Protein backbone atom coordinates (compact mmCIF):
# COMPACT_ATOMS: atom_id res chain seq x y z
CA MET A 1 360.58 241.06 -1.44
CA ALA A 2 357.02 240.33 -1.03
CA ASP A 3 354.99 238.10 -2.75
CA VAL A 4 352.87 239.48 -5.91
CA PHE A 5 349.23 237.92 -6.34
CA PRO A 6 347.96 238.63 -9.74
CA THR A 7 344.35 238.80 -8.45
CA VAL A 8 342.21 238.54 -4.59
CA ARG A 9 341.51 234.41 -5.15
CA ARG A 10 344.63 234.08 -6.06
CA TYR A 11 346.02 236.20 -2.90
CA TYR A 12 342.69 234.41 -0.97
CA LEU A 13 344.01 230.78 -2.27
CA THR A 14 347.83 231.01 -1.16
CA LYS A 15 347.00 231.83 2.60
CA ALA A 16 344.80 229.39 2.64
CA TYR A 17 347.21 226.59 1.35
CA GLN A 18 349.40 228.45 3.94
CA ALA A 19 347.53 227.85 6.68
CA GLY A 20 346.55 224.46 5.67
CA GLU A 21 350.32 223.78 5.21
CA THR A 22 350.83 224.86 9.35
CA GLY A 23 347.27 222.48 10.25
CA ASP A 24 345.78 226.21 11.38
CA THR A 25 341.89 224.68 10.04
CA GLY A 26 340.36 227.75 11.55
CA LEU A 27 342.27 230.57 9.29
CA ARG A 28 342.53 227.87 6.21
CA GLY A 29 338.56 228.00 6.73
CA ALA A 30 338.34 231.81 7.13
CA TRP A 31 340.95 231.98 3.76
CA LEU A 32 339.08 229.91 1.83
CA ALA A 33 335.59 232.11 3.19
CA LYS A 34 337.16 235.47 1.58
CA GLN A 35 338.09 233.30 -2.31
CA ALA A 36 334.39 231.88 -2.22
CA ALA A 37 333.00 235.22 -1.60
CA GLU A 38 335.23 237.03 -4.34
CA PRO A 39 333.36 236.95 -7.30
CA GLY A 40 335.16 235.13 -10.71
CA THR A 41 335.38 234.02 -14.31
CA ALA A 42 334.12 230.86 -14.69
CA LEU A 43 335.77 228.23 -16.37
CA GLY A 44 335.84 227.86 -20.21
CA ALA A 45 334.67 224.20 -21.54
CA SER A 46 338.24 224.03 -22.97
CA VAL A 47 339.78 223.59 -19.73
CA PRO A 48 339.69 220.34 -18.41
CA TYR A 49 339.49 218.05 -15.16
CA GLN A 50 337.15 221.29 -13.34
CA SER A 51 335.61 218.88 -10.49
CA ASP A 52 339.08 217.29 -9.67
CA LEU A 53 340.42 221.33 -9.72
CA ALA A 54 337.08 221.97 -7.75
CA ALA A 55 337.58 219.54 -5.14
CA LEU A 56 341.06 220.15 -4.07
CA VAL A 57 341.75 222.40 -0.80
CA PRO A 58 341.92 225.21 -1.76
CA PRO A 59 339.92 224.80 -4.21
CA PHE A 60 340.36 226.16 -8.46
CA THR A 61 336.86 227.57 -9.72
CA THR A 62 338.13 230.70 -11.14
CA VAL A 63 339.55 232.00 -14.05
CA GLU A 64 341.05 233.81 -11.58
CA ASP A 65 342.10 231.27 -9.03
CA LEU A 66 344.32 229.23 -11.94
CA THR A 67 346.46 232.86 -13.15
CA GLY A 68 349.35 232.64 -12.60
CA SER A 69 348.88 229.01 -11.46
CA SER A 70 351.72 226.47 -12.69
CA VAL A 71 351.75 222.61 -13.12
CA ASP A 72 354.00 222.98 -9.52
CA GLU A 73 351.73 223.99 -7.67
CA LEU A 74 348.96 221.98 -8.87
CA VAL A 75 350.35 219.00 -8.17
CA ARG A 76 351.32 220.57 -4.83
CA VAL A 77 348.03 220.66 -3.87
CA GLY A 78 346.74 217.61 -5.38
CA LEU A 79 346.28 218.16 -8.27
CA PRO A 80 348.22 214.11 -10.28
CA ARG A 81 350.95 216.17 -12.45
CA PRO A 82 349.22 214.94 -16.40
CA LYS A 83 346.28 216.52 -15.65
CA ALA A 84 347.94 219.80 -13.80
CA GLN A 85 349.69 220.10 -17.49
CA ALA A 86 346.52 219.42 -19.44
CA VAL A 87 345.15 222.87 -16.99
CA ILE A 88 348.24 224.92 -17.57
CA THR A 89 347.97 223.88 -21.44
CA ALA A 90 344.67 224.24 -22.02
CA LEU A 91 344.75 228.09 -20.11
CA GLY A 92 347.51 228.98 -22.88
């Protein structure tokens, strides 16, 4: 069964992560560029740790990047679990 992505930005974000996992930094860069070029909705002030989210690779900088994400996913890409839980809770 194919993966279903709630937004195009999530698709690009996932592909960038997968490329990074295989060590293909060129491909990861290409997917990150596609993600960055896709418009998104700015995170609201209620979402904590926005600078931490933006520093992740791949970065989570918009509502669309976080749509469908989970605590485990955010931890897997490098956000500490307490921060990841706070982000997911804030998204409601």
